[in-house]
Amino acid sequence: MRNKSYAVLTGDLVKSSRMSSEQSTSAMEWLRQLAKKFESVYPNSTIGQLDTFRHDSWQWLLAKPELALRAAVFMRAGLRSHSDGDVKFDTRVAIGTGKVESIVEHRISDSRGLAFVRSGKALDAMKKHSHLTYAAERDIAEEEWLADGLVPLLDCIITDWTPTEARAVHGALMGWTQEETAAQWPILNKTGKRRTRQAVAKSLRHAHWNTIREALEFVEESAKSNL
């Protein structure tokens, strides 16, 4: 543990005070399920389970810090896909990487270490209209570029997604084909049909998925080379 780096994601629901108790409870359960889905797609990437506290906050520990940004996008895409005309679901996410002193798997928020400190402080310091941030270790060019360049751009793109675009990206991050994503789509009320593969492809284009995928792959390869 002493020589290993981890990633901690700390987050909270966006505008939770405007949600009903049922809505915020559902949102937190969706986040817990999304963390489990991520582990199923990327085995051995997480430690313990996503920890929730208060009524709108959560924390998650990754054993593979190179996947931290992908995990953040995964969580936001999955949660935003549940939005509808009544409520827009989203979560702020602050990523912190570094060493960890102790891990409490059944209650991740009770763990201690630099990664936890960075993530928590980054969430507290997040700008008013930001929903994604990365706590960089200053004077390390790669991390400063990530924190000050790529992450804010990704944040802008994700925040502009429609629920349809978020659902399409979530399917892509799950590793599904466009046909498989279409098959998972809820039945459309007016037509009684599901979305087509072509509709999924269109949503992915509008969500700038190819650009996001390439950016995530670049970050992950760069992180692996620096481990």
C-alpha atoms as a PDB file:
ATOM      1  CA  MET A   1       0.000   0.000   0.000  1.00  0.00           C
ATOM      2  CA  ARG A   2       2.802   2.412   0.861  1.00  0.00           C
ATOM      3  CA  ASN A   3       4.319   2.514  -2.621  1.00  0.00           C
ATOM      4  CA  LYS A   4       1.091   2.290  -4.567  1.00  0.00           C
ATOM      5  CA  SER A   5      -0.986   5.157  -5.899  1.00  0.00           C
ATOM      6  CA  TYR A   6      -4.763   5.170  -5.756  1.00  0.00           C
ATOM      7  CA  ALA A   7      -7.521   7.413  -7.000  1.00  0.00           C
ATOM      8  CA  VAL A   8     -10.360   8.711  -4.859  1.00  0.00           C
ATOM      9  CA  LEU A   9     -13.533  10.114  -6.358  1.00  0.00           C
ATOM     10  CA  THR A  10     -15.612  12.294  -4.055  1.00  0.00           C
ATOM     11  CA  GLY A  11     -18.930  13.660  -5.199  1.00  0.00           C
ATOM     12  CA  ASP A  12     -22.342  15.011  -4.370  1.00  0.00           C
ATOM     13  CA  LEU A  13     -25.633  15.395  -6.172  1.00  0.00           C
ATOM     14  CA  VAL A  14     -26.183  18.582  -8.140  1.00  0.00           C
ATOM     15  CA  LYS A  15     -29.063  20.685  -6.753  1.00  0.00           C
ATOM     16  CA  SER A  16     -30.108  17.963  -4.346  1.00  0.00           C
ATOM     17  CA  SER A  17     -32.037  20.501  -2.263  1.00  0.00           C
ATOM     18  CA  ARG A  18     -34.519  20.800  -5.126  1.00  0.00           C
ATOM     19  CA  MET A  19     -35.124  17.050  -5.232  1.00  0.00           C
ATOM     20  CA  SER A  20     -37.757  15.150  -3.340  1.00  0.00           C
ATOM     21  CA  SER A  21     -36.621  12.574  -0.814  1.00  0.00           C
ATOM     22  CA  GLU A  22     -37.600   9.841  -3.265  1.00  0.00           C
ATOM     23  CA  GLN A  23     -35.598  11.413  -6.096  1.00  0.00           C
ATOM     24  CA  SER A  24     -32.403  11.863  -4.070  1.00  0.00           C
ATOM     25  CA  THR A  25     -32.708   8.352  -2.627  1.00  0.00           C
ATOM     26  CA  SER A  26     -33.076   6.925  -6.133  1.00  0.00           C
ATOM     27  CA  ALA A  27     -30.113   8.944  -7.388  1.00  0.00           C
ATOM     28  CA  MET A  28     -27.839   7.646  -4.624  1.00  0.00           C
ATOM     29  CA  GLU A  29     -28.905   4.065  -5.303  1.00  0.00           C
ATOM     30  CA  TRP A  30     -28.192   4.549  -9.020  1.00  0.00           C
ATOM     31  CA  LEU A  31     -24.692   5.748  -8.130  1.00  0.00           C
ATOM     32  CA  ARG A  32     -24.096   2.653  -6.001  1.00  0.00           C
ATOM     33  CA  GLN A  33     -25.248   0.432  -8.850  1.00  0.00           C
ATOM     34  CA  LEU A  34     -23.102   2.331 -11.364  1.00  0.00           C
ATOM     35  CA  ALA A  35     -20.003   1.693  -9.248  1.00  0.00           C
ATOM     36  CA  LYS A  36     -20.799  -2.028  -9.305  1.00  0.00           C
ATOM     37  CA  LYS A  37     -21.296  -1.925 -13.076  1.00  0.00           C
ATOM     38  CA  PHE A  38     -17.946  -0.200 -13.512  1.00  0.00           C
ATOM     39  CA  GLU A  39     -16.221  -2.952 -11.552  1.00  0.00           C
ATOM     40  CA  SER A  40     -17.934  -5.578 -13.704  1.00  0.00           C
ATOM     41  CA  VAL A  41     -16.662  -3.935 -16.892  1.00  0.00           C
ATOM     42  CA  TYR A  42     -13.212  -3.078 -15.494  1.00  0.00           C
ATOM     43  CA  PRO A  43     -12.400  -5.930 -13.064  1.00  0.00           C
ATOM     44  CA  ASN A  44     -10.190  -5.254 -10.037  1.00  0.00           C
ATOM     45  CA  SER A  45     -10.411  -1.515 -10.655  1.00  0.00           C
ATOM     46  CA  THR A  46     -12.137  -0.632  -7.378  1.00  0.00           C
ATOM     47  CA  ILE A  47     -11.732  -1.354  -3.668  1.00  0.00           C
ATOM     48  CA  GLY A  48     -14.743  -1.972  -1.483  1.00  0.00           C
ATOM     49  CA  GLN A  49     -17.974  -0.370  -2.577  1.00  0.00           C
ATOM     50  CA  LEU A  50     -19.050   3.177  -3.237  1.00  0.00           C
ATOM     51  CA  ASP A  51     -19.692   4.796   0.140  1.00  0.00           C
ATOM     52  CA  THR A  52     -22.587   7.202   0.617  1.00  0.00           C
ATOM     53  CA  PHE A  53     -23.143   9.662   3.448  1.00  0.00           C
ATOM     54  CA  ARG A  54     -25.519  12.442   4.366  1.00  0.00           C
ATOM     55  CA  HIS A  55     -28.296  12.325   1.776  1.00  0.00           C
ATOM     56  CA  ASP A  56     -26.372  13.435  -1.299  1.00  0.00           C
ATOM     57  CA  SER A  57     -22.628  12.697  -0.967  1.00  0.00           C
ATOM     58  CA  TRP A  58     -20.450   9.749  -1.926  1.00  0.00           C
ATOM     59  CA  GLN A  59     -16.855   8.531  -2.087  1.00  0.00           C
ATOM     60  CA  TRP A  60     -15.237   5.793  -4.128  1.00  0.00           C
ATOM     61  CA  LEU A  61     -11.729   4.274  -4.106  1.00  0.00           C
ATOM     62  CA  LEU A  62     -10.037   3.029  -7.271  1.00  0.00           C
ATOM     63  CA  ALA A  63      -7.093   0.647  -7.235  1.00  0.00           C
ATOM     64  CA  LYS A  64      -6.302   1.676 -10.816  1.00  0.00           C
ATOM     65  CA  PRO A  65      -5.800   5.464 -10.802  1.00  0.00           C
ATOM     66  CA  GLU A  66      -5.346   5.514 -14.575  1.00  0.00           C
ATOM     67  CA  LEU A  67      -9.093   4.798 -14.843  1.00  0.00           C
ATOM     68  CA  ALA A  68     -10.155   7.694 -12.607  1.00  0.00           C
ATOM     69  CA  LEU A  69     -11.288  10.032 -15.371  1.00  0.00           C
ATOM     70  CA  ARG A  70     -13.128   7.224 -17.177  1.00  0.00           C
ATOM     71  CA  ALA A  71     -14.857   6.351 -13.907  1.00  0.00           C
ATOM     72  CA  ALA A  72     -15.962   9.958 -13.403  1.00  0.00           C
ATOM     73  CA  VAL A  73     -17.403  10.153 -16.919  1.00  0.00           C
ATOM     74  CA  PHE A  74     -19.068   6.763 -16.367  1.00  0.00           C
ATOM     75  CA  MET A  75     -20.804   7.973 -13.216  1.00  0.00           C
ATOM     76  CA  ARG A  76     -22.033  11.202 -14.745  1.00  0.00           C
ATOM     77  CA  ALA A  77     -23.210   9.539 -17.971  1.00  0.00           C
ATOM     78  CA  GLY A  78     -25.069   6.849 -16.062  1.00  0.00           C
ATOM     79  CA  LEU A  79     -26.730   9.240 -13.637  1.00  0.00           C
ATOM     80  CA  ARG A  80     -27.609  11.875 -16.240  1.00  0.00           C
ATOM     81  CA  SER A  81     -29.320   9.197 -18.340  1.00  0.00           C
ATOM     82  CA  HIS A  82     -32.063   9.046 -15.673  1.00  0.00           C
ATOM     83  CA  SER A  83     -33.005  12.698 -16.160  1.00  0.00           C
ATOM     84  CA  ASP A  84     -36.422  13.611 -17.526  1.00  0.00           C
ATOM     85  CA  GLY A  85     -38.705  16.596 -17.824  1.00  0.00           C
ATOM     86  CA  ASP A  86     -39.220  16.742 -14.079  1.00  0.00           C
ATOM     87  CA  VAL A  87     -35.681  16.552 -12.763  1.00  0.00           C
ATOM     88  CA  LYS A  88     -32.131  16.710 -14.101  1.00  0.00           C
ATOM     89  CA  PHE A  89     -29.865  14.257 -12.330  1.00  0.00           C
ATOM     90  CA  ASP A  90     -26.135  14.944 -12.178  1.00  0.00           C
ATOM     91  CA  THR A  91     -23.273  14.689  -9.738  1.00  0.00           C
ATOM     92  CA  ARG A  92     -20.186  16.726  -9.076  1.00  0.00           C
ATOM     93  CA  VAL A  93     -17.011  14.652  -9.069  1.00  0.00           C
ATOM     94  CA  ALA A  94     -13.588  15.546  -7.659  1.00  0.00           C
ATOM     95  CA  ILE A  95     -10.665  13.251  -8.490  1.00  0.00           C
ATOM     96  CA  GLY A  96      -7.660  12.978  -6.194  1.00  0.00           C
ATOM     97  CA  THR A  97      -4.724  10.633  -6.674  1.00  0.00           C
ATOM     98  CA  GLY A  98      -1.825   9.655  -4.446  1.00  0.00           C
ATOM     99  CA  LYS A  99      -0.808   7.351  -1.630  1.00  0.00           C
ATOM    100  CA  VAL A 100      -3.248   5.906   0.913  1.00  0.00           C
ATOM    101  CA  GLU A 101      -2.382   5.250   4.573  1.00  0.00           C
ATOM    102  CA  SER A 102      -5.320   3.060   5.583  1.00  0.00           C
ATOM    103  CA  ILE A 103      -8.311   1.519   3.812  1.00  0.00           C
ATOM    104  CA  VAL A 104     -11.612   0.652   5.478  1.00  0.00           C
ATOM    105  CA  GLU A 105     -13.340  -1.380   2.782  1.00  0.00           C
ATOM    106  CA  HIS A 106     -16.763  -1.494   4.433  1.00  0.00           C
ATOM    107  CA  ARG A 107     -16.716   2.292   4.934  1.00  0.00           C
ATOM    108  CA  ILE A 108     -14.415   3.908   2.369  1.00  0.00           C
ATOM    109  CA  SER A 109     -14.974   7.421   3.742  1.00  0.00           C
ATOM    110  CA  ASP A 110     -13.256   6.320   6.983  1.00  0.00           C
ATOM    111  CA  SER A 111     -10.034   5.589   5.061  1.00  0.00           C
ATOM    112  CA  ARG A 112      -7.072   7.965   5.228  1.00  0.00           C
ATOM    113  CA  GLY A 113      -4.319   9.202   2.949  1.00  0.00           C
ATOM    114  CA  LEU A 114      -3.187  11.849   0.496  1.00  0.00           C
ATOM    115  CA  ALA A 115      -5.572  10.729  -2.248  1.00  0.00           C
ATOM    116  CA  PHE A 116      -8.536  11.210   0.103  1.00  0.00           C
ATOM    117  CA  VAL A 117      -7.321  14.623   1.229  1.00  0.00           C
ATOM    118  CA  ARG A 118      -6.809  15.831  -2.343  1.00  0.00           C
ATOM    119  CA  SER A 119     -10.188  14.602  -3.501  1.00  0.00           C
ATOM    120  CA  GLY A 120     -12.107  16.067  -0.570  1.00  0.00           C
ATOM    121  CA  LYS A 121     -10.396  19.446  -0.769  1.00  0.00           C
ATOM    122  CA  ALA A 122     -10.937  19.569  -4.540  1.00  0.00           C
ATOM    123  CA  LEU A 123     -14.671  19.063  -4.105  1.00  0.00           C
ATOM    124  CA  ASP A 124     -14.831  21.783  -1.456  1.00  0.00           C
ATOM    125  CA  ALA A 125     -12.906  24.174  -3.715  1.00  0.00           C
ATOM    126  CA  MET A 126     -14.845  23.388  -6.888  1.00  0.00           C
ATOM    127  CA  LYS A 127     -16.081  26.447  -8.736  1.00  0.00           C
ATOM    128  CA  LYS A 128     -19.799  27.190  -8.608  1.00  0.00           C
ATOM    129  CA  HIS A 129     -20.695  26.023 -12.115  1.00  0.00           C
ATOM    130  CA  SER A 130     -18.158  23.184 -12.373  1.00  0.00           C
ATOM    131  CA  HIS A 131     -19.158  19.553 -12.035  1.00  0.00           C
ATOM    132  CA  LEU A 132     -15.830  17.803 -12.655  1.00  0.00           C
ATOM    133  CA  THR A 133     -12.386  18.601 -11.292  1.00  0.00           C
ATOM    134  CA  TYR A 134      -9.002  16.973 -10.913  1.00  0.00           C
ATOM    135  CA  ALA A 135      -6.659  17.722  -7.998  1.00  0.00           C
ATOM    136  CA  ALA A 136      -3.291  18.067  -9.678  1.00  0.00           C
ATOM    137  CA  GLU A 137       0.054  17.894  -7.987  1.00  0.00           C
ATOM    138  CA  ARG A 138       1.496  21.233  -9.041  1.00  0.00           C
ATOM    139  CA  ASP A 139       4.762  21.439 -10.969  1.00  0.00           C
ATOM    140  CA  ILE A 140       3.982  18.096 -12.619  1.00  0.00           C
ATOM    141  CA  ALA A 141       3.238  19.135 -16.189  1.00  0.00           C
ATOM    142  CA  GLU A 142       1.086  16.118 -17.058  1.00  0.00           C
ATOM    143  CA  GLU A 143      -1.221  16.640 -14.082  1.00  0.00           C
ATOM    144  CA  GLU A 144      -1.469  20.404 -14.559  1.00  0.00           C
ATOM    145  CA  TRP A 145      -2.420  19.864 -18.206  1.00  0.00           C
ATOM    146  CA  LEU A 146      -5.079  17.387 -17.141  1.00  0.00           C
ATOM    147  CA  ALA A 147      -6.498  19.596 -14.389  1.00  0.00           C
ATOM    148  CA  ASP A 148      -6.385  22.913 -16.208  1.00  0.00           C
ATOM    149  CA  GLY A 149      -6.971  21.784 -19.791  1.00  0.00           C
ATOM    150  CA  LEU A 150      -8.679  18.502 -20.530  1.00  0.00           C
ATOM    151  CA  VAL A 151     -10.929  18.073 -17.495  1.00  0.00           C
ATOM    152  CA  PRO A 152     -12.655  21.485 -17.795  1.00  0.00           C
ATOM    153  CA  LEU A 153     -13.328  20.812 -21.483  1.00  0.00           C
ATOM    154  CA  LEU A 154     -14.793  17.393 -20.705  1.00  0.00           C
ATOM    155  CA  ASP A 155     -16.902  18.972 -17.990  1.00  0.00           C
ATOM    156  CA  CYS A 156     -18.407  21.450 -20.464  1.00  0.00           C
ATOM    157  CA  ILE A 157     -19.245  18.709 -22.949  1.00  0.00           C
ATOM    158  CA  ILE A 158     -20.789  16.362 -20.363  1.00  0.00           C
ATOM    159  CA  THR A 159     -22.850  19.135 -18.769  1.00  0.00           C
ATOM    160  CA  ASP A 160     -24.434  19.854 -22.161  1.00  0.00           C
ATOM    161  CA  TRP A 161     -25.491  16.246 -22.779  1.00  0.00           C
ATOM    162  CA  THR A 162     -29.165  15.467 -23.114  1.00  0.00           C
ATOM    163  CA  PRO A 163     -30.424  12.377 -21.247  1.00  0.00           C
ATOM    164  CA  THR A 164     -30.498  10.576 -24.603  1.00  0.00           C
ATOM    165  CA  GLU A 165     -26.862  11.412 -25.308  1.00  0.00           C
ATOM    166  CA  ALA A 166     -25.851  10.419 -21.773  1.00  0.00           C
ATOM    167  CA  ARG A 167     -27.577   7.053 -22.172  1.00  0.00           C
ATOM    168  CA  ALA A 168     -25.789   6.423 -25.476  1.00  0.00           C
ATOM    169  CA  VAL A 169     -22.395   7.251 -23.940  1.00  0.00           C
ATOM    170  CA  HIS A 170     -23.145   5.073 -20.930  1.00  0.00           C
ATOM    171  CA  GLY A 171     -23.769   2.163 -23.297  1.00  0.00           C
ATOM    172  CA  ALA A 172     -20.471   2.800 -25.055  1.00  0.00           C
ATOM    173  CA  LEU A 173     -18.617   2.906 -21.734  1.00  0.00           C
ATOM    174  CA  MET A 174     -20.263  -0.384 -20.799  1.00  0.00           C
ATOM    175  CA  GLY A 175     -18.660  -1.834 -23.905  1.00  0.00           C
ATOM    176  CA  TRP A 176     -21.974  -2.414 -25.668  1.00  0.00           C
ATOM    177  CA  THR A 177     -22.397  -2.220 -29.410  1.00  0.00           C
ATOM    178  CA  GLN A 178     -24.841   0.353 -30.706  1.00  0.00           C
ATOM    179  CA  GLU A 179     -27.326  -2.466 -31.313  1.00  0.00           C
ATOM    180  CA  GLU A 180     -26.946  -3.637 -27.719  1.00  0.00           C
ATOM    181  CA  THR A 181     -27.405  -0.098 -26.399  1.00  0.00           C
ATOM    182  CA  ALA A 182     -30.553   0.295 -28.485  1.00  0.00           C
ATOM    183  CA  ALA A 183     -31.887  -3.011 -27.122  1.00  0.00           C
ATOM    184  CA  GLN A 184     -31.363  -1.764 -23.536  1.00  0.00           C
ATOM    185  CA  TRP A 185     -33.247   1.471 -24.206  1.00  0.00           C
ATOM    186  CA  PRO A 186     -36.581   1.959 -22.445  1.00  0.00           C
ATOM    187  CA  ILE A 187     -39.616   1.673 -24.712  1.00  0.00           C
ATOM    188  CA  LEU A 188     -40.630   5.051 -26.092  1.00  0.00           C
ATOM    189  CA  ASN A 189     -44.051   5.950 -24.737  1.00  0.00           C
ATOM    190  CA  LYS A 190     -45.479   7.537 -27.880  1.00  0.00           C
ATOM    191  CA  THR A 191     -44.424   4.863 -30.366  1.00  0.00           C
ATOM    192  CA  GLY A 192     -44.192   1.758 -28.224  1.00  0.00           C
ATOM    193  CA  LYS A 193     -40.766   1.092 -29.768  1.00  0.00           C
ATOM    194  CA  ARG A 194     -37.165   1.302 -28.652  1.00  0.00           C
ATOM    195  CA  ARG A 195     -34.515   3.471 -30.236  1.00  0.00           C
ATOM    196  CA  THR A 196     -32.737   2.177 -33.289  1.00  0.00           C
ATOM    197  CA  ARG A 197     -29.018   1.643 -33.756  1.00  0.00           C
ATOM    198  CA  GLN A 198     -29.024   4.673 -36.044  1.00  0.00           C
ATOM    199  CA  ALA A 199     -30.549   6.816 -33.298  1.00  0.00           C
ATOM    200  CA  VAL A 200     -27.874   5.659 -30.856  1.00  0.00           C
ATOM    201  CA  ALA A 201     -25.163   6.474 -33.388  1.00  0.00           C
ATOM    202  CA  LYS A 202     -26.622   9.959 -33.847  1.00  0.00           C
ATOM    203  CA  SER A 203     -26.686  10.523 -30.079  1.00  0.00           C
ATOM    204  CA  LEU A 204     -23.047   9.438 -29.795  1.00  0.00           C
ATOM    205  CA  ARG A 205     -22.053  11.927 -32.503  1.00  0.00           C
ATOM    206  CA  HIS A 206     -23.887  14.747 -30.766  1.00  0.00           C
ATOM    207  CA  ALA A 207     -22.237  13.773 -27.467  1.00  0.00           C
ATOM    208  CA  HIS A 208     -18.771  13.906 -29.130  1.00  0.00           C
ATOM    209  CA  TRP A 209     -18.153  10.337 -27.998  1.00  0.00           C
ATOM    210  CA  ASN A 210     -15.291   9.566 -30.396  1.00  0.00           C
ATOM    211  CA  THR A 211     -13.347  12.585 -29.152  1.00  0.00           C
ATOM    212  CA  ILE A 212     -14.035  11.710 -25.510  1.00  0.00           C
ATOM    213  CA  ARG A 213     -13.039   8.079 -26.067  1.00  0.00           C
ATOM    214  CA  GLU A 214      -9.745   9.105 -27.647  1.00  0.00           C
ATOM    215  CA  ALA A 215      -9.051  11.548 -24.799  1.00  0.00           C
ATOM    216  CA  LEU A 216      -9.715   8.888 -22.156  1.00  0.00           C
ATOM    217  CA  GLU A 217      -7.485   6.377 -23.926  1.00  0.00           C
ATOM    218  CA  PHE A 218      -4.695   8.947 -24.210  1.00  0.00           C
ATOM    219  CA  VAL A 219      -4.918   9.793 -20.492  1.00  0.00           C
ATOM    220  CA  GLU A 220      -4.887   6.106 -19.538  1.00  0.00           C
ATOM    221  CA  GLU A 221      -1.896   5.242 -21.699  1.00  0.00           C
ATOM    222  CA  SER A 222       0.005   8.259 -20.395  1.00  0.00           C
ATOM    223  CA  ALA A 223      -0.796   7.320 -16.792  1.00  0.00           C
ATOM    224  CA  LYS A 224       0.352   3.718 -17.282  1.00  0.00           C
ATOM    225  CA  SER A 225       3.667   4.862 -18.733  1.00  0.00           C
ATOM    226  CA  ASN A 226       4.278   7.023 -15.661  1.00  0.00           C
ATOM    227  CA  LEU A 227       3.472   4.329 -13.100  1.00  0.00           C
END
